[in-house]
Amino acid sequence: MMEIFQKLFYTDLGTAVNNTALLIFRILFAWELLTVHGLKKIKQSQEAEAEQIPNPLHLPEKLNAAVAQFADTIVPFFIALGLCGRLAILPTLGVTAVGYFVVHRHDSPQVRDIPFMYTLCLLFLLMTGPGAYSIDHFIYQLLINIR
């Protein structure tokens, strides 16, 4: 069990330059996700007319809205902090992948571009982890010392 946690939390990319670049990437990506998509959902939920969130998987409406709001408002904080990085991005990765492969599958490349780029960025973070300048890295160090 300890080995699974270590694999989830191992995040060091080897050099300070790589880890700094990943930190900057994480923070800018999280900021963009929160300000462009998340804040719009928060503002819309406070107004009388809510944003129409696509539901191509035909989930219950409240569940669909909750997943989309969580993915765009809460997950960016996890990404920026590097907290449970690989696990935390899964809801947002699901939302963007569904947006690309299902909602916009018949749209032009210009329309499909945004969910495609978000999906690529999230896959990149899933594979690399958040880097050495993250809470996950400190958790990994603790797990190594416990072992």
N, C-alpha and C. Protein backbone atom coordinates (compact mmCIF):
# COMPACT_ATOMS: atom_id res chain seq x y z
N MET A 1 0.83 -1.19 0.00
CA MET A 1 0.00 0.00 0.00
C MET A 1 0.87 1.26 0.00
N MET A 2 1.96 1.21 0.76
CA MET A 2 2.86 2.35 0.84
C MET A 2 3.47 2.65 -0.53
N GLU A 3 3.74 1.61 -1.32
CA GLU A 3 4.32 1.82 -2.64
C GLU A 3 3.37 2.55 -3.57
N ILE A 4 2.07 2.28 -3.44
CA ILE A 4 1.08 2.98 -4.27
C ILE A 4 1.09 4.46 -3.93
N PHE A 5 1.10 4.79 -2.63
CA PHE A 5 1.13 6.20 -2.23
C PHE A 5 2.41 6.87 -2.70
N GLN A 6 3.53 6.16 -2.63
CA GLN A 6 4.78 6.75 -3.08
C GLN A 6 4.74 7.05 -4.58
N LYS A 7 4.16 6.15 -5.36
CA LYS A 7 4.06 6.39 -6.81
C LYS A 7 3.12 7.56 -7.12
N LEU A 8 2.05 7.69 -6.35
CA LEU A 8 1.13 8.80 -6.56
C LEU A 8 1.75 10.15 -6.22
N PHE A 9 2.61 10.17 -5.19
CA PHE A 9 3.14 11.44 -4.71
C PHE A 9 4.55 11.75 -5.21
N TYR A 10 5.22 10.82 -5.91
CA TYR A 10 6.55 11.12 -6.43
C TYR A 10 6.43 12.13 -7.55
N THR A 11 7.16 13.24 -7.43
CA THR A 11 6.96 14.33 -8.38
C THR A 11 8.23 15.02 -8.84
N ASP A 12 9.38 14.63 -8.40
CA ASP A 12 10.60 15.36 -8.73
C ASP A 12 10.99 15.17 -10.19
N LEU A 13 11.19 16.27 -10.92
CA LEU A 13 11.58 16.21 -12.32
C LEU A 13 13.08 16.32 -12.52
N GLY A 14 13.85 16.23 -11.46
CA GLY A 14 15.30 16.11 -11.58
C GLY A 14 16.11 17.37 -11.39
N THR A 15 15.71 18.48 -11.98
CA THR A 15 16.49 19.70 -11.84
C THR A 15 15.61 20.83 -11.33
N ALA A 16 16.26 21.82 -10.75
CA ALA A 16 15.53 22.98 -10.24
C ALA A 16 14.84 23.74 -11.37
N VAL A 17 15.46 23.79 -12.53
CA VAL A 17 14.87 24.49 -13.67
C VAL A 17 13.57 23.79 -14.10
N ASN A 18 13.61 22.46 -14.22
CA ASN A 18 12.41 21.72 -14.60
C ASN A 18 11.30 21.89 -13.57
N ASN A 19 11.65 21.78 -12.30
CA ASN A 19 10.64 21.90 -11.24
C ASN A 19 10.09 23.32 -11.15
N THR A 20 10.92 24.31 -11.38
CA THR A 20 10.45 25.71 -11.39
C THR A 20 9.52 25.95 -12.57
N ALA A 21 9.90 25.43 -13.73
CA ALA A 21 9.05 25.58 -14.92
C ALA A 21 7.69 24.91 -14.69
N LEU A 22 7.69 23.75 -14.06
CA LEU A 22 6.43 23.06 -13.79
C LEU A 22 5.59 23.82 -12.76
N LEU A 23 6.24 24.41 -11.77
CA LEU A 23 5.52 25.23 -10.78
C LEU A 23 4.83 26.41 -11.48
N ILE A 24 5.57 27.11 -12.33
CA ILE A 24 5.01 28.26 -13.05
C ILE A 24 3.86 27.79 -13.96
N PHE A 25 4.07 26.69 -14.65
CA PHE A 25 3.03 26.14 -15.53
C PHE A 25 1.77 25.81 -14.73
N ARG A 26 1.94 25.14 -13.58
CA ARG A 26 0.79 24.77 -12.75
C ARG A 26 0.01 25.98 -12.28
N ILE A 27 0.72 26.99 -11.81
CA ILE A 27 0.06 28.18 -11.27
C ILE A 27 -0.68 28.93 -12.38
N LEU A 28 -0.03 29.13 -13.52
CA LEU A 28 -0.68 29.85 -14.62
C LEU A 28 -1.86 29.06 -15.19
N PHE A 29 -1.70 27.75 -15.30
CA PHE A 29 -2.79 26.92 -15.80
C PHE A 29 -3.98 26.95 -14.84
N ALA A 30 -3.71 26.81 -13.55
CA ALA A 30 -4.78 26.84 -12.55
C ALA A 30 -5.48 28.20 -12.54
N TRP A 31 -4.71 29.26 -12.66
CA TRP A 31 -5.29 30.61 -12.69
C TRP A 31 -6.22 30.76 -13.90
N GLU A 32 -5.77 30.31 -15.04
CA GLU A 32 -6.58 30.42 -16.26
C GLU A 32 -7.86 29.59 -16.13
N LEU A 33 -7.74 28.38 -15.63
CA LEU A 33 -8.91 27.53 -15.46
C LEU A 33 -9.92 28.16 -14.50
N LEU A 34 -9.42 28.71 -13.40
CA LEU A 34 -10.30 29.33 -12.41
C LEU A 34 -10.94 30.60 -12.93
N THR A 35 -10.15 31.49 -13.52
CA THR A 35 -10.71 32.79 -13.94
C THR A 35 -11.59 32.69 -15.17
N VAL A 36 -11.23 31.84 -16.12
CA VAL A 36 -12.01 31.76 -17.36
C VAL A 36 -13.24 30.88 -17.20
N HIS A 37 -13.12 29.78 -16.49
CA HIS A 37 -14.23 28.85 -16.40
C HIS A 37 -14.88 28.81 -15.01
N GLY A 38 -14.08 28.80 -13.97
CA GLY A 38 -14.61 28.66 -12.63
C GLY A 38 -15.39 29.85 -12.12
N LEU A 39 -14.81 31.04 -12.25
CA LEU A 39 -15.50 32.24 -11.75
C LEU A 39 -16.78 32.50 -12.51
N LYS A 40 -16.81 32.14 -13.78
CA LYS A 40 -18.03 32.29 -14.57
C LYS A 40 -19.15 31.41 -13.99
N LYS A 41 -18.79 30.23 -13.55
CA LYS A 41 -19.80 29.33 -12.96
C LYS A 41 -20.26 29.84 -11.60
N ILE A 42 -19.35 30.42 -10.82
CA ILE A 42 -19.73 30.97 -9.52
C ILE A 42 -20.66 32.16 -9.71
N LYS A 43 -20.30 33.08 -10.60
CA LYS A 43 -21.14 34.26 -10.85
C LYS A 43 -22.50 33.85 -11.39
N GLN A 44 -22.50 32.89 -12.31
CA GLN A 44 -23.75 32.45 -12.91
C GLN A 44 -24.65 31.77 -11.89
N SER A 45 -24.07 31.02 -10.95
CA SER A 45 -24.89 30.31 -9.97
C SER A 45 -25.54 31.27 -8.98
N GLN A 46 -24.98 32.47 -8.84
CA GLN A 46 -25.56 33.46 -7.94
C GLN A 46 -26.64 34.29 -8.63
N GLU A 47 -26.65 34.29 -9.95
CA GLU A 47 -27.65 35.04 -10.70
C GLU A 47 -28.86 34.15 -10.95
N ALA A 48 -29.95 34.77 -11.36
CA ALA A 48 -31.20 34.04 -11.57
C ALA A 48 -31.07 33.02 -12.71
N GLU A 49 -30.39 33.41 -13.79
CA GLU A 49 -30.26 32.52 -14.94
C GLU A 49 -28.89 31.85 -14.92
N ALA A 50 -28.85 30.57 -14.66
CA ALA A 50 -27.59 29.85 -14.54
C ALA A 50 -27.03 29.50 -15.91
N GLU A 51 -25.71 29.29 -15.95
CA GLU A 51 -25.05 28.89 -17.18
C GLU A 51 -25.53 27.49 -17.58
N GLN A 52 -25.73 27.30 -18.86
CA GLN A 52 -26.14 25.99 -19.35
C GLN A 52 -24.89 25.12 -19.48
N ILE A 53 -24.81 24.07 -18.66
CA ILE A 53 -23.68 23.15 -18.70
C ILE A 53 -24.10 21.94 -19.51
N PRO A 54 -23.37 21.62 -20.59
CA PRO A 54 -23.74 20.47 -21.40
C PRO A 54 -23.73 19.18 -20.56
N ASN A 55 -24.62 18.27 -20.91
CA ASN A 55 -24.73 17.00 -20.20
C ASN A 55 -24.82 15.86 -21.20
N PRO A 56 -23.75 15.62 -21.97
CA PRO A 56 -23.82 14.60 -23.02
C PRO A 56 -23.87 13.18 -22.49
N LEU A 57 -23.48 12.96 -21.25
CA LEU A 57 -23.50 11.62 -20.68
C LEU A 57 -24.83 11.33 -19.98
N HIS A 58 -25.73 12.30 -19.98
CA HIS A 58 -27.06 12.17 -19.39
C HIS A 58 -27.01 11.79 -17.91
N LEU A 59 -26.11 12.43 -17.18
CA LEU A 59 -26.05 12.27 -15.73
C LEU A 59 -27.20 13.06 -15.12
N PRO A 60 -27.53 12.79 -13.86
CA PRO A 60 -28.50 13.68 -13.20
C PRO A 60 -27.99 15.11 -13.24
N GLU A 61 -28.89 16.06 -13.50
CA GLU A 61 -28.50 17.46 -13.72
C GLU A 61 -27.67 18.02 -12.57
N LYS A 62 -28.07 17.76 -11.34
CA LYS A 62 -27.33 18.30 -10.19
C LYS A 62 -25.93 17.70 -10.10
N LEU A 63 -25.81 16.41 -10.38
CA LEU A 63 -24.50 15.77 -10.36
C LEU A 63 -23.62 16.35 -11.46
N ASN A 64 -24.16 16.49 -12.65
CA ASN A 64 -23.42 17.06 -13.77
C ASN A 64 -22.92 18.47 -13.44
N ALA A 65 -23.80 19.30 -12.89
CA ALA A 65 -23.41 20.67 -12.53
C ALA A 65 -22.38 20.67 -11.41
N ALA A 66 -22.54 19.79 -10.44
CA ALA A 66 -21.59 19.73 -9.32
C ALA A 66 -20.20 19.32 -9.79
N VAL A 67 -20.12 18.33 -10.66
CA VAL A 67 -18.82 17.89 -11.19
C VAL A 67 -18.16 19.02 -11.97
N ALA A 68 -18.93 19.69 -12.83
CA ALA A 68 -18.38 20.78 -13.64
C ALA A 68 -17.91 21.93 -12.75
N GLN A 69 -18.70 22.29 -11.74
CA GLN A 69 -18.30 23.38 -10.84
C GLN A 69 -17.08 22.99 -10.01
N PHE A 70 -17.05 21.77 -9.49
CA PHE A 70 -15.90 21.30 -8.72
C PHE A 70 -14.64 21.31 -9.60
N ALA A 71 -14.77 20.82 -10.82
CA ALA A 71 -13.62 20.73 -11.72
C ALA A 71 -13.05 22.10 -12.08
N ASP A 72 -13.90 23.11 -12.12
CA ASP A 72 -13.44 24.43 -12.56
C ASP A 72 -13.21 25.43 -11.43
N THR A 73 -13.67 25.12 -10.21
CA THR A 73 -13.51 26.08 -9.11
C THR A 73 -12.63 25.57 -7.98
N ILE A 74 -12.70 24.29 -7.65
CA ILE A 74 -11.93 23.74 -6.54
C ILE A 74 -10.61 23.13 -7.02
N VAL A 75 -10.68 22.35 -8.09
CA VAL A 75 -9.49 21.67 -8.60
C VAL A 75 -8.34 22.63 -8.93
N PRO A 76 -8.59 23.84 -9.46
CA PRO A 76 -7.46 24.74 -9.72
C PRO A 76 -6.61 25.04 -8.48
N PHE A 77 -7.22 25.07 -7.31
CA PHE A 77 -6.44 25.30 -6.09
C PHE A 77 -5.55 24.09 -5.79
N PHE A 78 -6.06 22.89 -5.99
CA PHE A 78 -5.26 21.68 -5.81
C PHE A 78 -4.10 21.66 -6.80
N ILE A 79 -4.37 22.06 -8.04
CA ILE A 79 -3.32 22.08 -9.06
C ILE A 79 -2.24 23.10 -8.70
N ALA A 80 -2.65 24.30 -8.31
CA ALA A 80 -1.68 25.36 -7.98
C ALA A 80 -0.82 24.97 -6.78
N LEU A 81 -1.42 24.36 -5.77
CA LEU A 81 -0.68 23.95 -4.58
C LEU A 81 0.10 22.66 -4.79
N GLY A 82 -0.25 21.90 -5.80
CA GLY A 82 0.36 20.60 -5.99
C GLY A 82 -0.08 19.63 -4.92
N LEU A 83 -1.34 19.70 -4.55
CA LEU A 83 -1.90 18.85 -3.50
C LEU A 83 -2.72 17.74 -4.14
N CYS A 84 -2.30 16.51 -3.91
CA CYS A 84 -2.95 15.34 -4.54
C CYS A 84 -3.10 15.57 -6.03
N GLY A 85 -2.03 16.05 -6.63
CA GLY A 85 -2.05 16.52 -8.01
C GLY A 85 -2.60 15.54 -9.01
N ARG A 86 -2.12 14.32 -8.98
CA ARG A 86 -2.56 13.35 -9.99
C ARG A 86 -4.03 12.95 -9.79
N LEU A 87 -4.46 12.85 -8.57
CA LEU A 87 -5.85 12.48 -8.31
C LEU A 87 -6.79 13.65 -8.51
N ALA A 88 -6.36 14.83 -8.11
CA ALA A 88 -7.24 16.00 -8.15
C ALA A 88 -7.61 16.41 -9.57
N ILE A 89 -6.70 16.18 -10.53
CA ILE A 89 -7.01 16.64 -11.89
C ILE A 89 -7.96 15.71 -12.63
N LEU A 90 -8.22 14.54 -12.10
CA LEU A 90 -9.07 13.58 -12.82
C LEU A 90 -10.47 14.12 -13.15
N PRO A 91 -11.17 14.81 -12.22
CA PRO A 91 -12.48 15.34 -12.61
C PRO A 91 -12.40 16.37 -13.74
N THR A 92 -11.41 17.24 -13.69
CA THR A 92 -11.26 18.26 -14.73
C THR A 92 -10.84 17.61 -16.05
N LEU A 93 -9.99 16.62 -15.97
CA LEU A 93 -9.59 15.89 -17.17
C LEU A 93 -10.81 15.23 -17.80
N GLY A 94 -11.67 14.66 -16.98
CA GLY A 94 -12.90 14.05 -17.49
C GLY A 94 -13.80 15.06 -18.16
N VAL A 95 -13.96 16.22 -17.54
CA VAL A 95 -14.82 17.27 -18.11
C VAL A 95 -14.26 17.76 -19.44
N THR A 96 -12.96 18.02 -19.50
CA THR A 96 -12.39 18.54 -20.75
C THR A 96 -12.36 17.48 -21.84
N ALA A 97 -12.09 16.24 -21.48
CA ALA A 97 -12.08 15.17 -22.48
C ALA A 97 -13.47 14.93 -23.05
N VAL A 98 -14.49 14.95 -22.19
CA VAL A 98 -15.87 14.82 -22.68
C VAL A 98 -16.21 16.02 -23.56
N GLY A 99 -15.76 17.20 -23.17
CA GLY A 99 -15.99 18.38 -24.00
C GLY A 99 -15.38 18.22 -25.38
N TYR A 100 -14.18 17.68 -25.43
CA TYR A 100 -13.49 17.53 -26.71
C TYR A 100 -14.07 16.39 -27.55
N PHE A 101 -14.18 15.20 -26.93
CA PHE A 101 -14.56 14.01 -27.68
C PHE A 101 -16.06 13.84 -27.90
N VAL A 102 -16.89 14.45 -27.04
CA VAL A 102 -18.33 14.24 -27.16
C VAL A 102 -19.06 15.53 -27.55
N VAL A 103 -18.92 16.58 -26.74
CA VAL A 103 -19.69 17.80 -26.97
C VAL A 103 -19.29 18.48 -28.28
N HIS A 104 -17.98 18.57 -28.54
CA HIS A 104 -17.50 19.32 -29.71
C HIS A 104 -16.98 18.42 -30.83
N ARG A 105 -17.35 17.16 -30.85
CA ARG A 105 -16.78 16.22 -31.83
C ARG A 105 -17.09 16.60 -33.28
N HIS A 106 -18.20 17.25 -33.52
CA HIS A 106 -18.56 17.63 -34.89
C HIS A 106 -18.27 19.09 -35.20
N ASP A 107 -17.71 19.82 -34.24
CA ASP A 107 -17.41 21.23 -34.44
C ASP A 107 -16.11 21.42 -35.22
N SER A 108 -15.88 22.64 -35.62
CA SER A 108 -14.66 22.96 -36.37
C SER A 108 -13.45 22.88 -35.43
N PRO A 109 -12.26 22.74 -36.00
CA PRO A 109 -11.05 22.69 -35.17
C PRO A 109 -10.87 23.94 -34.29
N GLN A 110 -11.35 25.08 -34.74
CA GLN A 110 -11.22 26.31 -33.95
C GLN A 110 -12.05 26.21 -32.67
N VAL A 111 -13.19 25.57 -32.72
CA VAL A 111 -14.04 25.40 -31.54
C VAL A 111 -13.50 24.31 -30.64
N ARG A 112 -12.99 23.25 -31.23
CA ARG A 112 -12.47 22.10 -30.47
C ARG A 112 -11.11 22.39 -29.83
N ASP A 113 -10.47 23.45 -30.25
CA ASP A 113 -9.11 23.77 -29.81
C ASP A 113 -9.01 23.94 -28.30
N ILE A 114 -9.94 24.64 -27.68
CA ILE A 114 -9.83 24.93 -26.25
C ILE A 114 -9.94 23.67 -25.40
N PRO A 115 -10.96 22.83 -25.57
CA PRO A 115 -10.98 21.61 -24.74
C PRO A 115 -9.80 20.67 -25.06
N PHE A 116 -9.33 20.70 -26.30
CA PHE A 116 -8.17 19.89 -26.66
C PHE A 116 -6.93 20.33 -25.89
N MET A 117 -6.68 21.64 -25.85
CA MET A 117 -5.50 22.16 -25.16
C MET A 117 -5.59 21.92 -23.65
N TYR A 118 -6.78 22.11 -23.06
CA TYR A 118 -6.95 21.81 -21.65
C TYR A 118 -6.69 20.33 -21.37
N THR A 119 -7.21 19.47 -22.21
CA THR A 119 -7.01 18.03 -22.03
C THR A 119 -5.53 17.68 -22.12
N LEU A 120 -4.82 18.25 -23.08
CA LEU A 120 -3.38 17.98 -23.20
C LEU A 120 -2.61 18.45 -21.96
N CYS A 121 -2.92 19.65 -21.49
CA CYS A 121 -2.25 20.18 -20.30
C CYS A 121 -2.51 19.30 -19.09
N LEU A 122 -3.73 18.84 -18.94
CA LEU A 122 -4.06 17.99 -17.80
C LEU A 122 -3.40 16.62 -17.92
N LEU A 123 -3.32 16.08 -19.12
CA LEU A 123 -2.60 14.81 -19.30
C LEU A 123 -1.12 14.97 -18.98
N PHE A 124 -0.55 16.10 -19.37
CA PHE A 124 0.84 16.39 -19.04
C PHE A 124 1.05 16.40 -17.52
N LEU A 125 0.17 17.09 -16.80
CA LEU A 125 0.28 17.14 -15.34
C LEU A 125 0.02 15.77 -14.71
N LEU A 126 -0.85 14.99 -15.30
CA LEU A 126 -1.11 13.64 -14.80
C LEU A 126 0.14 12.78 -14.90
N MET A 127 0.86 12.92 -16.01
CA MET A 127 2.06 12.10 -16.22
C MET A 127 3.25 12.58 -15.39
N THR A 128 3.43 13.88 -15.28
CA THR A 128 4.61 14.39 -14.57
C THR A 128 4.40 14.53 -13.08
N GLY A 129 3.16 14.74 -12.65
CA GLY A 129 2.92 15.12 -11.27
C GLY A 129 3.23 16.60 -11.13
N PRO A 130 3.04 17.15 -9.95
CA PRO A 130 3.19 18.60 -9.79
C PRO A 130 4.63 19.10 -9.63
N GLY A 131 5.61 18.23 -9.53
CA GLY A 131 6.99 18.67 -9.39
C GLY A 131 7.44 18.75 -7.94
N ALA A 132 8.71 19.11 -7.76
CA ALA A 132 9.30 19.13 -6.43
C ALA A 132 8.83 20.31 -5.58
N TYR A 133 8.33 21.34 -6.21
CA TYR A 133 7.84 22.50 -5.46
C TYR A 133 6.32 22.38 -5.30
N SER A 134 5.95 21.38 -4.52
CA SER A 134 4.53 21.09 -4.33
C SER A 134 4.32 20.42 -2.97
N ILE A 135 3.08 20.41 -2.54
CA ILE A 135 2.75 19.72 -1.30
C ILE A 135 2.94 18.22 -1.48
N ASP A 136 2.64 17.70 -2.67
CA ASP A 136 2.84 16.27 -2.93
C ASP A 136 4.28 15.85 -2.71
N HIS A 137 5.22 16.70 -3.08
CA HIS A 137 6.63 16.36 -2.89
C HIS A 137 6.96 16.22 -1.40
N PHE A 138 6.39 17.11 -0.59
CA PHE A 138 6.62 17.02 0.85
C PHE A 138 5.97 15.77 1.44
N ILE A 139 4.80 15.41 0.94
CA ILE A 139 4.14 14.18 1.38
C ILE A 139 5.00 12.98 1.00
N TYR A 140 5.55 13.00 -0.21
CA TYR A 140 6.43 11.92 -0.66
C TYR A 140 7.65 11.79 0.25
N GLN A 141 8.24 12.93 0.60
CA GLN A 141 9.41 12.90 1.49
C GLN A 141 9.04 12.30 2.85
N LEU A 142 7.86 12.63 3.37
CA LEU A 142 7.40 12.05 4.62
C LEU A 142 7.21 10.55 4.51
N LEU A 143 6.64 10.09 3.41
CA LEU A 143 6.42 8.66 3.20
C LEU A 143 7.75 7.91 3.12
N ILE A 144 8.74 8.52 2.49
CA ILE A 144 10.06 7.89 2.39
C ILE A 144 10.68 7.76 3.78
N ASN A 145 10.54 8.81 4.60
CA ASN A 145 11.12 8.78 5.95
C ASN A 145 10.40 7.82 6.87
N ILE A 146 9.10 7.58 6.65
CA ILE A 146 8.36 6.62 7.48
C ILE A 146 8.80 5.21 7.16
N ARG A 147 9.04 4.96 5.92
CA ARG A 147 9.43 3.62 5.47
C ARG A 147 10.74 3.28 6.07
